[in-house]
Amino acid sequence: MVPGMINATEERLREFLVQSVTDVREETLAQVGMTLLTADDEEARALGIQFEGGPDVNVVVTDPARRLGQVRLQSGGRNNTLFFDNRAWGGNFHANIRMAGDESIILFNRIGDAYVTLPDVLLRSDRQFLFWGAGSSAVGCSLEIDGIGHGMVVGDDALISGGVWLRNYDMHAMHDLRTGARINRPPLDTVIERHVWLGQDALLLSCRRVGMGAIIGARSVVKGAVPPCVVAAGTPARIVREGVSWGRHPYGMSGAERISIGLPELPEY
């Protein structure tokens, strides 16, 4: 699928390249021209990558002449890969990325002129993955992934507000003092389906899935799963309205937005 990606991760990613998540397909990526660099190359620096140490990282781009924005990168492991489908990027991408383990991959798809700021992206373990869908935007979202072989998927056309945290585990272990048994859940895969809006300061902690078209209210705490086309809000988050979604334009949803979540097109706002 992408140079540098190990077979086990490629198999895992295939599970998520479905219509409820993304229009990106493996066969489409296979037809795209790709250029392989390393993070410490002069060519990578010209794209906006500032490599701050550790074993070198593979960088794969679809346009070696189009600037990404500003990417600060630290590596703690070997054979890690960053993929940018930057054929139509506007240079509005800003991220601090740390890849602590080995053989992990991060894929950023065609975001166009969307503004994406990710103050902290941390992959803590080996053979992990992060998939960022086409057209998704973020204004201050932090992501943290733990667990060997686990990953996180952000579907196409997501809108992620400032102060949002996505974390696929509980940070630290909690133990039953009588038995010594660990009582909190292990890391899991987190999937944000297409056209999801995550409100200001939302916390998604060990969240398994947010269904397409859903809205998560500001300062909500989400665990488990949220179905499609609902508003979930509160601490802990609960469903407060069903049969709703959202549009990027303040006056309504576009026909393309409705079609993306499986609804018939209506007259434009």
C-alpha atoms as a PDB file:
ATOM      1  CA  MET A   1       0.000   0.000   0.000  1.00  0.00           C
ATOM      2  CA  VAL A   2       2.754   2.447   1.063  1.00  0.00           C
ATOM      3  CA  PRO A   3       6.533   1.878   0.960  1.00  0.00           C
ATOM      4  CA  GLY A   4       7.832   0.988   4.415  1.00  0.00           C
ATOM      5  CA  MET A   5       4.530  -0.383   5.726  1.00  0.00           C
ATOM      6  CA  ILE A   6       4.837  -3.885   7.182  1.00  0.00           C
ATOM      7  CA  ASN A   7       2.425  -6.601   6.037  1.00  0.00           C
ATOM      8  CA  ALA A   8       0.687  -6.976   9.414  1.00  0.00           C
ATOM      9  CA  THR A   9      -0.210  -3.274   9.550  1.00  0.00           C
ATOM     10  CA  GLU A  10      -1.349  -3.292   5.934  1.00  0.00           C
ATOM     11  CA  GLU A  11      -3.753  -6.118   6.749  1.00  0.00           C
ATOM     12  CA  ARG A  12      -5.089  -4.204   9.761  1.00  0.00           C
ATOM     13  CA  LEU A  13      -5.662  -1.021   7.762  1.00  0.00           C
ATOM     14  CA  ARG A  14      -7.696  -2.858   5.137  1.00  0.00           C
ATOM     15  CA  GLU A  15     -10.324  -3.458   7.833  1.00  0.00           C
ATOM     16  CA  PHE A  16     -10.939   0.296   8.098  1.00  0.00           C
ATOM     17  CA  LEU A  17     -10.970   1.335   4.432  1.00  0.00           C
ATOM     18  CA  VAL A  18     -14.756   1.016   4.248  1.00  0.00           C
ATOM     19  CA  GLN A  19     -17.479   3.410   3.118  1.00  0.00           C
ATOM     20  CA  SER A  20     -18.527   4.461   6.610  1.00  0.00           C
ATOM     21  CA  VAL A  21     -14.984   5.712   7.220  1.00  0.00           C
ATOM     22  CA  THR A  22     -13.340   6.849   3.985  1.00  0.00           C
ATOM     23  CA  ASP A  23     -13.392   6.997   0.207  1.00  0.00           C
ATOM     24  CA  VAL A  24      -9.655   6.232   0.188  1.00  0.00           C
ATOM     25  CA  ARG A  25      -9.019   2.745  -1.171  1.00  0.00           C
ATOM     26  CA  GLU A  26      -5.945   0.579  -1.325  1.00  0.00           C
ATOM     27  CA  GLU A  27      -6.218   0.223  -5.100  1.00  0.00           C
ATOM     28  CA  THR A  28      -6.390   4.017  -5.475  1.00  0.00           C
ATOM     29  CA  LEU A  29      -3.245   4.535  -3.416  1.00  0.00           C
ATOM     30  CA  ALA A  30      -1.474   1.883  -5.475  1.00  0.00           C
ATOM     31  CA  GLN A  31      -1.956   4.047  -8.593  1.00  0.00           C
ATOM     32  CA  VAL A  32      -0.511   7.210  -7.048  1.00  0.00           C
ATOM     33  CA  GLY A  33       3.090   8.161  -7.692  1.00  0.00           C
ATOM     34  CA  MET A  34       5.105   8.203  -4.464  1.00  0.00           C
ATOM     35  CA  THR A  35       8.520   9.585  -3.559  1.00  0.00           C
ATOM     36  CA  LEU A  36      10.481   7.989  -0.715  1.00  0.00           C
ATOM     37  CA  LEU A  37      12.676  10.239   1.431  1.00  0.00           C
ATOM     38  CA  THR A  38      14.130  10.061   4.907  1.00  0.00           C
ATOM     39  CA  ALA A  39      13.191  12.604   7.558  1.00  0.00           C
ATOM     40  CA  ASP A  40      16.723  14.010   7.741  1.00  0.00           C
ATOM     41  CA  ASP A  41      16.988  14.604   3.971  1.00  0.00           C
ATOM     42  CA  GLU A  42      17.341  18.131   2.671  1.00  0.00           C
ATOM     43  CA  GLU A  43      14.275  17.447   0.508  1.00  0.00           C
ATOM     44  CA  ALA A  44      12.253  16.579   3.618  1.00  0.00           C
ATOM     45  CA  ARG A  45      13.382  19.745   5.374  1.00  0.00           C
ATOM     46  CA  ALA A  46      12.274  21.768   2.363  1.00  0.00           C
ATOM     47  CA  LEU A  47       8.801  20.270   2.750  1.00  0.00           C
ATOM     48  CA  GLY A  48       8.652  21.594   6.328  1.00  0.00           C
ATOM     49  CA  ILE A  49       9.815  18.544   8.318  1.00  0.00           C
ATOM     50  CA  GLN A  50      12.054  19.317  11.282  1.00  0.00           C
ATOM     51  CA  PHE A  51      13.639  16.050  12.416  1.00  0.00           C
ATOM     52  CA  GLU A  52      14.721  16.313  16.053  1.00  0.00           C
ATOM     53  CA  GLY A  53      16.581  13.071  16.617  1.00  0.00           C
ATOM     54  CA  GLY A  54      16.461   9.328  16.973  1.00  0.00           C
ATOM     55  CA  PRO A  55      16.570   6.618  14.317  1.00  0.00           C
ATOM     56  CA  ASP A  56      15.659   8.010  10.913  1.00  0.00           C
ATOM     57  CA  VAL A  57      12.069   7.819   9.663  1.00  0.00           C
ATOM     58  CA  ASN A  58      10.858   7.038   6.154  1.00  0.00           C
ATOM     59  CA  VAL A  59       8.879   9.895   4.597  1.00  0.00           C
ATOM     60  CA  VAL A  60       6.635   9.135   1.621  1.00  0.00           C
ATOM     61  CA  VAL A  61       5.013  11.983  -0.324  1.00  0.00           C
ATOM     62  CA  THR A  62       2.952  12.150  -3.488  1.00  0.00           C
ATOM     63  CA  ASP A  63       4.309  15.582  -4.472  1.00  0.00           C
ATOM     64  CA  PRO A  64       7.962  16.136  -3.496  1.00  0.00           C
ATOM     65  CA  ALA A  65       7.722  19.839  -4.422  1.00  0.00           C
ATOM     66  CA  ARG A  66       4.595  20.819  -2.429  1.00  0.00           C
ATOM     67  CA  ARG A  67       5.220  22.098   1.098  1.00  0.00           C
ATOM     68  CA  LEU A  68       3.358  20.400   3.937  1.00  0.00           C
ATOM     69  CA  GLY A  69       3.503  23.117   6.564  1.00  0.00           C
ATOM     70  CA  GLN A  70       5.472  22.582   9.794  1.00  0.00           C
ATOM     71  CA  VAL A  71       6.130  19.091  11.159  1.00  0.00           C
ATOM     72  CA  ARG A  72       8.326  18.485  14.204  1.00  0.00           C
ATOM     73  CA  LEU A  73       9.301  14.837  14.388  1.00  0.00           C
ATOM     74  CA  GLN A  74      11.012  12.729  17.049  1.00  0.00           C
ATOM     75  CA  SER A  75      11.803   9.049  16.647  1.00  0.00           C
ATOM     76  CA  GLY A  76      12.492   6.498  19.358  1.00  0.00           C
ATOM     77  CA  GLY A  77      12.232   3.353  17.252  1.00  0.00           C
ATOM     78  CA  ARG A  78      13.234   1.941  13.903  1.00  0.00           C
ATOM     79  CA  ASN A  79      11.504   1.361  10.556  1.00  0.00           C
ATOM     80  CA  ASN A  80       8.786   3.967  11.100  1.00  0.00           C
ATOM     81  CA  THR A  81       7.008   5.669   8.197  1.00  0.00           C
ATOM     82  CA  LEU A  82       5.139   8.929   7.585  1.00  0.00           C
ATOM     83  CA  PHE A  83       2.922   9.135   4.488  1.00  0.00           C
ATOM     84  CA  PHE A  84       1.550  12.425   3.124  1.00  0.00           C
ATOM     85  CA  ASP A  85      -0.774  12.460   0.118  1.00  0.00           C
ATOM     86  CA  ASN A  86       0.084  16.103  -0.444  1.00  0.00           C
ATOM     87  CA  ARG A  87      -0.916  16.489  -4.089  1.00  0.00           C
ATOM     88  CA  ALA A  88      -3.505  19.127  -3.138  1.00  0.00           C
ATOM     89  CA  TRP A  89      -2.237  20.497   0.172  1.00  0.00           C
ATOM     90  CA  GLY A  90      -2.344  24.197   0.978  1.00  0.00           C
ATOM     91  CA  GLY A  91       0.564  24.119   3.451  1.00  0.00           C
ATOM     92  CA  ASN A  92      -1.747  24.485   6.475  1.00  0.00           C
ATOM     93  CA  PHE A  93      -0.539  21.398   8.355  1.00  0.00           C
ATOM     94  CA  HIS A  94       1.163  21.776  11.754  1.00  0.00           C
ATOM     95  CA  ALA A  95       2.063  18.798  13.938  1.00  0.00           C
ATOM     96  CA  ASN A  96       4.386  17.602  16.696  1.00  0.00           C
ATOM     97  CA  ILE A  97       4.884  13.872  16.166  1.00  0.00           C
ATOM     98  CA  ARG A  98       6.666  11.343  18.368  1.00  0.00           C
ATOM     99  CA  MET A  99       7.029   7.725  17.274  1.00  0.00           C
ATOM    100  CA  ALA A 100       8.439   5.828  20.254  1.00  0.00           C
ATOM    101  CA  GLY A 101       8.177   2.237  18.998  1.00  0.00           C
ATOM    102  CA  ASP A 102       9.243   0.292  15.922  1.00  0.00           C
ATOM    103  CA  GLU A 103       7.531  -0.380  12.568  1.00  0.00           C
ATOM    104  CA  SER A 104       4.673   2.088  12.940  1.00  0.00           C
ATOM    105  CA  ILE A 105       3.048   4.200  10.240  1.00  0.00           C
ATOM    106  CA  ILE A 106       1.073   7.455  10.071  1.00  0.00           C
ATOM    107  CA  LEU A 107      -0.946   8.241   6.935  1.00  0.00           C
ATOM    108  CA  PHE A 108      -2.266  11.733   6.204  1.00  0.00           C
ATOM    109  CA  ASN A 109      -4.509  11.843   3.160  1.00  0.00           C
ATOM    110  CA  ARG A 110      -5.581  14.665   0.854  1.00  0.00           C
ATOM    111  CA  ILE A 111      -6.578  17.463   3.229  1.00  0.00           C
ATOM    112  CA  GLY A 112      -6.636  20.165   0.528  1.00  0.00           C
ATOM    113  CA  ASP A 113      -6.826  23.655   2.048  1.00  0.00           C
ATOM    114  CA  ALA A 114      -8.097  22.360   5.400  1.00  0.00           C
ATOM    115  CA  TYR A 115      -6.318  23.662   8.500  1.00  0.00           C
ATOM    116  CA  VAL A 116      -4.841  20.862  10.617  1.00  0.00           C
ATOM    117  CA  THR A 117      -3.037  21.506  13.916  1.00  0.00           C
ATOM    118  CA  LEU A 118      -2.002  18.517  16.010  1.00  0.00           C
ATOM    119  CA  PRO A 119       0.027  19.749  19.018  1.00  0.00           C
ATOM    120  CA  ASP A 120       0.880  16.244  20.214  1.00  0.00           C
ATOM    121  CA  VAL A 121       0.761  12.980  18.289  1.00  0.00           C
ATOM    122  CA  LEU A 122       2.340  10.114  20.243  1.00  0.00           C
ATOM    123  CA  LEU A 123       2.614   6.501  19.118  1.00  0.00           C
ATOM    124  CA  ARG A 124       4.010   4.743  22.172  1.00  0.00           C
ATOM    125  CA  SER A 125       4.325   1.108  21.070  1.00  0.00           C
ATOM    126  CA  ASP A 126       5.418  -1.069  18.156  1.00  0.00           C
ATOM    127  CA  ARG A 127       3.543  -1.742  14.895  1.00  0.00           C
ATOM    128  CA  GLN A 128       0.990   1.020  15.460  1.00  0.00           C
ATOM    129  CA  PHE A 129      -0.929   3.098  12.916  1.00  0.00           C
ATOM    130  CA  LEU A 130      -2.741   6.409  12.561  1.00  0.00           C
ATOM    131  CA  PHE A 131      -4.971   7.033   9.527  1.00  0.00           C
ATOM    132  CA  TRP A 132      -6.156  10.606   8.820  1.00  0.00           C
ATOM    133  CA  GLY A 133      -9.005  10.860   6.324  1.00  0.00           C
ATOM    134  CA  ALA A 134      -9.288  13.102   3.285  1.00  0.00           C
ATOM    135  CA  GLY A 135     -10.589  16.616   3.971  1.00  0.00           C
ATOM    136  CA  SER A 136     -10.484  16.292   7.771  1.00  0.00           C
ATOM    137  CA  SER A 137      -9.568  19.407   9.750  1.00  0.00           C
ATOM    138  CA  ALA A 138      -8.423  20.036  13.316  1.00  0.00           C
ATOM    139  CA  VAL A 139      -7.602  23.152  15.321  1.00  0.00           C
ATOM    140  CA  GLY A 140      -5.662  21.757  18.257  1.00  0.00           C
ATOM    141  CA  CYS A 141      -6.323  18.026  18.566  1.00  0.00           C
ATOM    142  CA  SER A 142      -3.921  15.759  20.468  1.00  0.00           C
ATOM    143  CA  LEU A 143      -3.740  12.009  19.851  1.00  0.00           C
ATOM    144  CA  GLU A 144      -2.077   9.296  21.896  1.00  0.00           C
ATOM    145  CA  ILE A 145      -1.955   5.615  20.977  1.00  0.00           C
ATOM    146  CA  ASP A 146      -0.669   2.709  23.065  1.00  0.00           C
ATOM    147  CA  GLY A 147      -0.683  -1.068  22.687  1.00  0.00           C
ATOM    148  CA  ILE A 148       1.329  -3.187  20.277  1.00  0.00           C
ATOM    149  CA  GLY A 149      -0.445  -3.416  16.928  1.00  0.00           C
ATOM    150  CA  HIS A 150      -3.199  -0.962  17.873  1.00  0.00           C
ATOM    151  CA  GLY A 151      -4.173   2.166  16.003  1.00  0.00           C
ATOM    152  CA  MET A 152      -6.488   5.097  15.473  1.00  0.00           C
ATOM    153  CA  VAL A 153      -8.551   6.054  12.424  1.00  0.00           C
ATOM    154  CA  VAL A 154     -10.025   9.499  11.714  1.00  0.00           C
ATOM    155  CA  GLY A 155     -12.428   9.269   8.779  1.00  0.00           C
ATOM    156  CA  ASP A 156     -12.951  11.658   5.880  1.00  0.00           C
ATOM    157  CA  ASP A 157     -14.291  15.194   6.455  1.00  0.00           C
ATOM    158  CA  ALA A 158     -14.024  15.174  10.243  1.00  0.00           C
ATOM    159  CA  LEU A 159     -14.217  18.519  12.046  1.00  0.00           C
ATOM    160  CA  ILE A 160     -12.171  18.468  15.252  1.00  0.00           C
ATOM    161  CA  SER A 161     -12.312  21.519  17.493  1.00  0.00           C
ATOM    162  CA  GLY A 162      -9.635  22.938  19.774  1.00  0.00           C
ATOM    163  CA  GLY A 163      -8.542  21.155  22.925  1.00  0.00           C
ATOM    164  CA  VAL A 164      -9.802  17.716  21.850  1.00  0.00           C
ATOM    165  CA  TRP A 165      -7.948  14.644  23.154  1.00  0.00           C
ATOM    166  CA  LEU A 166      -8.143  11.222  21.527  1.00  0.00           C
ATOM    167  CA  ARG A 167      -6.565   8.477  23.632  1.00  0.00           C
ATOM    168  CA  ASN A 168      -7.053   4.733  23.128  1.00  0.00           C
ATOM    169  CA  TYR A 169      -6.110   3.680  26.656  1.00  0.00           C
ATOM    170  CA  ASP A 170      -6.351   4.764  30.299  1.00  0.00           C
ATOM    171  CA  MET A 171      -2.781   6.109  30.652  1.00  0.00           C
ATOM    172  CA  HIS A 172      -2.007   4.103  33.788  1.00  0.00           C
ATOM    173  CA  ALA A 173      -3.077   0.782  35.264  1.00  0.00           C
ATOM    174  CA  MET A 174      -5.666   0.560  38.048  1.00  0.00           C
ATOM    175  CA  HIS A 175      -5.437  -2.433  40.375  1.00  0.00           C
ATOM    176  CA  ASP A 176      -7.695  -4.192  42.805  1.00  0.00           C
ATOM    177  CA  LEU A 177      -5.806  -3.815  46.083  1.00  0.00           C
ATOM    178  CA  ARG A 178      -7.028  -7.152  47.430  1.00  0.00           C
ATOM    179  CA  THR A 179      -6.189  -9.355  44.446  1.00  0.00           C
ATOM    180  CA  GLY A 180      -3.630  -7.273  42.607  1.00  0.00           C
ATOM    181  CA  ALA A 181      -5.600  -7.746  39.365  1.00  0.00           C
ATOM    182  CA  ARG A 182      -5.654  -4.989  36.785  1.00  0.00           C
ATOM    183  CA  ILE A 183      -9.222  -3.732  36.518  1.00  0.00           C
ATOM    184  CA  ASN A 184      -9.147  -1.198  33.695  1.00  0.00           C
ATOM    185  CA  ARG A 185      -9.373  -2.143  30.029  1.00  0.00           C
ATOM    186  CA  PRO A 186      -6.341  -2.703  27.811  1.00  0.00           C
ATOM    187  CA  PRO A 187      -5.684  -0.444  24.790  1.00  0.00           C
ATOM    188  CA  LEU A 188      -8.115  -0.728  21.881  1.00  0.00           C
ATOM    189  CA  ASP A 189      -8.521   0.553  18.321  1.00  0.00           C
ATOM    190  CA  THR A 190     -10.339   3.891  18.043  1.00  0.00           C
ATOM    191  CA  VAL A 191     -12.366   4.649  14.892  1.00  0.00           C
ATOM    192  CA  ILE A 192     -13.880   8.058  14.149  1.00  0.00           C
ATOM    193  CA  GLU A 193     -16.093   7.496  11.110  1.00  0.00           C
ATOM    194  CA  ARG A 194     -16.610  10.025   8.289  1.00  0.00           C
ATOM    195  CA  HIS A 195     -18.159  13.493   8.789  1.00  0.00           C
ATOM    196  CA  VAL A 196     -17.947  13.530  12.600  1.00  0.00           C
ATOM    197  CA  TRP A 197     -17.808  16.787  14.567  1.00  0.00           C
ATOM    198  CA  LEU A 198     -15.914  16.700  17.860  1.00  0.00           C
ATOM    199  CA  GLY A 199     -16.714  19.779  19.955  1.00  0.00           C
ATOM    200  CA  GLN A 200     -14.377  22.004  21.933  1.00  0.00           C
ATOM    201  CA  ASP A 201     -12.338  20.230  24.656  1.00  0.00           C
ATOM    202  CA  ALA A 202     -14.009  16.847  24.124  1.00  0.00           C
ATOM    203  CA  LEU A 203     -12.161  13.875  25.636  1.00  0.00           C
ATOM    204  CA  LEU A 204     -12.405  10.522  23.861  1.00  0.00           C
ATOM    205  CA  LEU A 205     -10.827   8.040  26.248  1.00  0.00           C
ATOM    206  CA  SER A 206     -10.747   4.346  25.323  1.00  0.00           C
ATOM    207  CA  CYS A 207     -13.454   5.174  22.801  1.00  0.00           C
ATOM    208  CA  ARG A 208     -14.054   2.309  20.378  1.00  0.00           C
ATOM    209  CA  ARG A 209     -16.079   4.083  17.673  1.00  0.00           C
ATOM    210  CA  VAL A 210     -17.967   7.275  16.830  1.00  0.00           C
ATOM    211  CA  GLY A 211     -20.487   6.685  14.035  1.00  0.00           C
ATOM    212  CA  MET A 212     -20.567   8.755  10.848  1.00  0.00           C
ATOM    213  CA  GLY A 213     -22.290  12.124  10.999  1.00  0.00           C
ATOM    214  CA  ALA A 214     -22.311  12.193  14.811  1.00  0.00           C
ATOM    215  CA  ILE A 215     -21.746  15.315  16.911  1.00  0.00           C
ATOM    216  CA  ILE A 216     -19.888  15.204  20.237  1.00  0.00           C
ATOM    217  CA  GLY A 217     -20.698  18.147  22.498  1.00  0.00           C
ATOM    218  CA  ALA A 218     -18.107  20.517  23.944  1.00  0.00           C
ATOM    219  CA  ARG A 219     -16.273  19.229  27.049  1.00  0.00           C
ATOM    220  CA  SER A 220     -17.892  15.830  26.808  1.00  0.00           C
ATOM    221  CA  VAL A 221     -16.150  12.647  27.971  1.00  0.00           C
ATOM    222  CA  VAL A 222     -16.731   9.730  25.621  1.00  0.00           C
ATOM    223  CA  LYS A 223     -15.962   6.075  26.269  1.00  0.00           C
ATOM    224  CA  GLY A 224     -17.222   2.998  24.452  1.00  0.00           C
ATOM    225  CA  ALA A 225     -19.160   3.730  21.246  1.00  0.00           C
ATOM    226  CA  VAL A 226     -21.464   6.401  19.816  1.00  0.00           C
ATOM    227  CA  PRO A 227     -23.931   5.487  17.018  1.00  0.00           C
ATOM    228  CA  PRO A 228     -24.208   7.411  13.736  1.00  0.00           C
ATOM    229  CA  CYS A 229     -26.152  10.682  13.336  1.00  0.00           C
ATOM    230  CA  VAL A 230     -26.697  11.551  16.990  1.00  0.00           C
ATOM    231  CA  VAL A 231     -25.640  14.281  19.395  1.00  0.00           C
ATOM    232  CA  ALA A 232     -23.804  12.900  22.420  1.00  0.00           C
ATOM    233  CA  ALA A 233     -22.915  15.271  25.238  1.00  0.00           C
ATOM    234  CA  GLY A 234     -22.070  15.361  28.929  1.00  0.00           C
ATOM    235  CA  THR A 235     -19.768  13.670  31.426  1.00  0.00           C
ATOM    236  CA  PRO A 236     -20.042  10.826  30.763  1.00  0.00           C
ATOM    237  CA  ALA A 237     -21.497  11.502  27.315  1.00  0.00           C
ATOM    238  CA  ARG A 238     -25.029  10.291  26.599  1.00  0.00           C
ATOM    239  CA  ILE A 239     -27.219  10.601  23.532  1.00  0.00           C
ATOM    240  CA  VAL A 240     -29.307  13.774  23.757  1.00  0.00           C
ATOM    241  CA  ARG A 241     -30.703  13.826  20.214  1.00  0.00           C
ATOM    242  CA  GLU A 242     -31.062  11.344  17.353  1.00  0.00           C
ATOM    243  CA  GLY A 243     -31.444  11.684  13.594  1.00  0.00           C
ATOM    244  CA  VAL A 244     -29.219  14.755  13.264  1.00  0.00           C
ATOM    245  CA  SER A 245     -25.916  15.699  11.661  1.00  0.00           C
ATOM    246  CA  TRP A 246     -24.083  18.916  10.815  1.00  0.00           C
ATOM    247  CA  GLY A 247     -22.700  21.067   7.991  1.00  0.00           C
ATOM    248  CA  ARG A 248     -19.553  23.115   7.645  1.00  0.00           C
ATOM    249  CA  HIS A 249     -21.591  26.062   6.363  1.00  0.00           C
ATOM    250  CA  PRO A 250     -23.415  27.847   9.217  1.00  0.00           C
ATOM    251  CA  TYR A 251     -26.735  27.755   7.316  1.00  0.00           C
ATOM    252  CA  GLY A 252     -27.016  24.063   6.556  1.00  0.00           C
ATOM    253  CA  MET A 253     -25.616  20.838   5.148  1.00  0.00           C
ATOM    254  CA  SER A 254     -24.442  20.631   1.568  1.00  0.00           C
ATOM    255  CA  GLY A 255     -25.697  17.950  -0.770  1.00  0.00           C
ATOM    256  CA  ALA A 256     -22.259  16.331  -0.710  1.00  0.00           C
ATOM    257  CA  GLU A 257     -22.314  16.185   3.086  1.00  0.00           C
ATOM    258  CA  ARG A 258     -25.723  14.501   3.093  1.00  0.00           C
ATOM    259  CA  ILE A 259     -24.684  11.992   0.453  1.00  0.00           C
ATOM    260  CA  SER A 260     -21.495  11.164   2.373  1.00  0.00           C
ATOM    261  CA  ILE A 261     -23.540   9.794   5.286  1.00  0.00           C
ATOM    262  CA  GLY A 262     -26.017   7.964   3.086  1.00  0.00           C
ATOM    263  CA  LEU A 263     -28.843  10.524   2.908  1.00  0.00           C
ATOM    264  CA  PRO A 264     -30.636  11.801  -0.222  1.00  0.00           C
ATOM    265  CA  GLU A 265     -29.580  15.187  -1.504  1.00  0.00           C
ATOM    266  CA  LEU A 266     -31.916  18.093  -0.682  1.00  0.00           C
ATOM    267  CA  PRO A 267     -32.090  21.611  -2.145  1.00  0.00           C
ATOM    268  CA  GLU A 268     -29.106  23.691  -1.072  1.00  0.00           C
ATOM    269  CA  TYR A 269     -29.470  26.082   1.888  1.00  0.00           C
END
